[in-house]
Amino acid sequence: IEGLVHISELSGQHVELAEQVVSAGQEVFVKIIDIDLDRRRISLSLKQANEGVDPEGTEFDPALYGMTAEYDENGEYKYPEGFDPETQEWKEGFEAQREQWEQEYAAAQERWEAHKKQVGEALTAQAAGAAAGADAAPSTFSSESAATGALADDEALAALKAQLEGN
């Protein structure tokens, strides 16, 4: 699967060179904006991933950063097994579930903090008019294509597309 961020999706401002915004090997948060099953390509956006994220914000939604949120048929949040929503406490005997939930929550919060940092750095760079680049002007920034991984087969890619489309 190959992931692609078109140069127009790197920033809300005009970008001549991808290197003005990102560097090779840099890990960034992106939003999946399209999945092309025929070409086995995922279109990504750095610009859209950063929209609406306040680097000074305090409202954290763990579901946006990889934590699974389950809802019942009425749309009510299903609390993790062993958590009592009435008392806001974990029940005895569910220490393993509590530990796993706390680890997942901490990992999601760490991703959120890293994303806020990314947005803050981008805003600082834009305000300072930071521009660094090379002589060549690439029109896209692409990741390496890989034959293995979570989306290596067509079925996994189709499942991801269906999930993102809400099917």
Protein backbone atom coordinates (compact mmCIF):
# COMPACT_ATOMS: atom_id res chain seq x y z
CA ILE A 1 0.00 0.00 0.00
CA GLU A 2 1.26 3.43 -0.87
CA GLY A 3 0.22 6.51 1.06
CA LEU A 4 0.34 9.86 -0.68
CA VAL A 5 0.07 13.43 0.57
CA HIS A 6 -0.39 15.74 -2.40
CA ILE A 7 1.51 19.01 -2.05
CA SER A 8 -1.80 20.90 -1.89
CA GLU A 9 -2.68 18.90 1.24
CA LEU A 10 0.50 19.78 3.16
CA SER A 11 -0.53 23.22 4.40
CA GLY A 12 -3.24 25.83 4.27
CA GLN A 13 -0.67 28.17 2.72
CA HIS A 14 1.02 27.87 -0.67
CA VAL A 15 3.85 25.35 -0.66
CA GLU A 16 6.48 25.19 -3.41
CA LEU A 17 8.48 22.32 -1.96
CA ALA A 18 7.35 19.54 0.35
CA GLU A 19 10.53 20.15 2.34
CA GLN A 20 9.09 23.50 3.41
CA VAL A 21 6.62 21.59 5.58
CA VAL A 22 8.03 18.11 6.20
CA SER A 23 11.29 16.25 5.94
CA ALA A 24 12.00 12.70 4.83
CA GLY A 25 11.47 10.21 7.63
CA GLN A 26 9.52 12.67 9.79
CA GLU A 27 6.50 11.14 11.50
CA VAL A 28 3.38 13.30 11.17
CA PHE A 29 -0.32 13.00 11.85
CA VAL A 30 -2.40 12.83 8.68
CA LYS A 31 -6.06 12.34 7.81
CA ILE A 32 -7.13 9.63 5.37
CA ILE A 33 -9.14 11.45 2.71
CA ASP A 34 -9.53 8.72 0.08
CA ILE A 35 -8.82 5.05 -0.50
CA ASP A 36 -8.40 3.87 -4.09
CA LEU A 37 -8.77 0.08 -4.04
CA ASP A 38 -7.93 -0.32 -7.73
CA ARG A 39 -4.62 1.52 -7.51
CA ARG A 40 -4.00 0.33 -3.90
CA ARG A 41 -3.37 3.89 -2.80
CA ILE A 42 -4.41 5.90 0.22
CA SER A 43 -4.70 9.68 -0.16
CA LEU A 44 -3.68 11.56 2.96
CA SER A 45 -3.87 15.16 4.18
CA LEU A 46 -1.61 16.87 6.69
CA LYS A 47 -3.57 20.10 6.27
CA GLN A 48 -6.93 18.50 7.13
CA ALA A 49 -5.43 16.55 10.05
CA ASN A 50 -4.31 19.84 11.62
CA GLU A 51 -7.61 21.68 11.09
CA GLY A 52 -9.56 22.24 14.27
CA VAL A 53 -6.74 21.13 16.57
CA ASP A 54 -5.91 23.73 19.19
CA PRO A 55 -2.31 23.36 20.36
CA GLU A 56 -3.36 24.98 23.64
CA GLY A 57 -6.58 22.94 23.92
CA THR A 58 -7.54 20.89 26.94
CA GLU A 59 -10.48 18.87 25.59
CA PHE A 60 -9.17 15.40 24.81
CA ASP A 61 -11.20 12.79 22.90
CA PRO A 62 -9.35 9.47 23.17
CA ALA A 63 -11.45 7.94 20.36
CA LEU A 64 -9.81 10.35 17.90
CA TYR A 65 -6.38 9.05 18.86
CA GLY A 66 -6.79 5.31 18.59
CA MET A 67 -8.81 4.30 21.61
CA THR A 68 -11.78 2.09 20.82
CA ALA A 69 -15.17 3.50 21.77
CA GLU A 70 -18.16 1.17 21.71
CA TYR A 71 -21.80 2.17 21.72
CA ASP A 72 -24.97 0.15 22.28
CA GLU A 73 -27.95 0.02 19.92
CA ASN A 74 -29.30 3.24 21.50
CA GLY A 75 -26.08 5.12 20.86
CA GLU A 76 -25.08 5.09 24.52
CA TYR A 77 -21.37 4.70 25.34
CA LYS A 78 -20.48 1.21 26.55
CA TYR A 79 -18.04 1.45 29.44
CA PRO A 80 -15.16 -1.02 29.64
CA GLU A 81 -15.81 -4.32 31.38
CA GLY A 82 -15.35 -3.87 35.10
CA PHE A 83 -15.94 -0.10 35.19
CA ASP A 84 -18.92 1.15 37.18
CA PRO A 85 -20.30 4.32 35.55
CA GLU A 86 -22.42 5.09 38.63
CA THR A 87 -19.45 5.40 40.98
CA GLN A 88 -16.85 6.20 38.29
CA GLU A 89 -14.70 3.46 39.86
CA TRP A 90 -13.31 0.14 38.71
CA LYS A 91 -14.80 -2.97 40.32
CA GLU A 92 -12.66 -5.41 42.27
CA GLY A 93 -11.28 -8.29 40.22
CA PHE A 94 -10.88 -6.22 37.04
CA GLU A 95 -7.32 -5.04 37.62
CA ALA A 96 -6.08 -6.45 34.29
CA GLN A 97 -8.85 -4.69 32.34
CA ARG A 98 -8.17 -1.46 34.24
CA GLU A 99 -4.44 -1.66 33.51
CA GLN A 100 -5.06 -2.33 29.80
CA TRP A 101 -7.58 0.54 29.58
CA GLU A 102 -5.21 2.92 31.36
CA GLN A 103 -2.35 1.97 29.01
CA GLU A 104 -4.55 2.54 25.94
CA TYR A 105 -5.76 5.85 27.36
CA ALA A 106 -2.20 6.99 28.10
CA ALA A 107 -1.07 6.03 24.58
CA ALA A 108 -4.00 7.94 23.03
CA GLN A 109 -3.24 10.98 25.20
CA GLU A 110 0.42 10.83 24.18
CA ARG A 111 -0.63 10.84 20.49
CA TRP A 112 -2.93 13.81 21.18
CA GLU A 113 -0.11 15.75 22.85
CA ALA A 114 2.20 14.95 19.92
CA HIS A 115 -0.48 16.10 17.46
CA LYS A 116 -0.98 19.37 19.36
CA LYS A 117 2.78 19.86 19.27
CA GLN A 118 2.78 19.25 15.49
CA VAL A 119 0.05 21.86 15.02
CA GLY A 120 1.82 24.34 17.28
CA GLU A 121 5.08 23.93 15.36
CA ALA A 122 3.27 24.36 12.05
CA LEU A 123 1.60 27.56 13.26
CA THR A 124 4.93 28.88 14.52
CA ALA A 125 6.62 28.08 11.22
CA GLN A 126 3.83 29.75 9.25
CA ALA A 127 3.96 32.85 11.43
CA ALA A 128 7.71 33.11 11.06
CA GLY A 129 7.47 32.62 7.31
CA ALA A 130 9.82 29.67 7.59
CA ALA A 131 10.79 28.41 4.19
CA ALA A 132 13.51 25.92 3.52
CA GLY A 133 13.83 23.85 0.38
CA ALA A 134 15.84 22.23 -2.32
CA ASP A 135 16.29 23.09 -6.02
CA ALA A 136 13.79 20.53 -7.31
CA ALA A 137 10.07 21.13 -6.87
CA PRO A 138 8.29 17.82 -6.30
CA SER A 139 4.55 17.88 -6.77
CA THR A 140 3.85 15.14 -4.21
CA PHE A 141 5.28 13.58 -1.10
CA SER A 142 4.95 9.80 -0.97
CA SER A 143 5.72 7.07 1.49
CA GLU A 144 7.53 3.93 0.49
CA SER A 145 5.35 1.18 -0.89
CA ALA A 146 5.29 -1.93 1.25
CA ALA A 147 4.08 -5.42 0.50
CA THR A 148 3.45 -6.27 4.15
CA GLY A 149 1.66 -4.69 7.06
CA ALA A 150 -1.85 -4.11 8.32
CA LEU A 151 -3.18 -3.02 4.93
CA ALA A 152 -1.09 -5.34 2.77
CA ASP A 153 -4.02 -7.32 1.40
CA ASP A 154 -7.03 -6.14 -0.56
CA GLU A 155 -9.49 -7.40 2.05
CA ALA A 156 -7.92 -5.31 4.84
CA LEU A 157 -7.83 -2.24 2.61
CA ALA A 158 -11.48 -2.71 1.59
CA ALA A 159 -12.45 -3.14 5.26
CA LEU A 160 -10.69 0.11 6.16
CA LYS A 161 -12.43 1.94 3.33
CA ALA A 162 -15.83 0.60 4.43
CA GLN A 163 -15.14 1.61 8.04
CA LEU A 164 -14.15 5.14 7.05
CA GLU A 165 -17.22 5.49 4.85
CA GLY A 166 -19.38 4.42 7.79
CA ASN A 167 -20.62 1.20 6.18
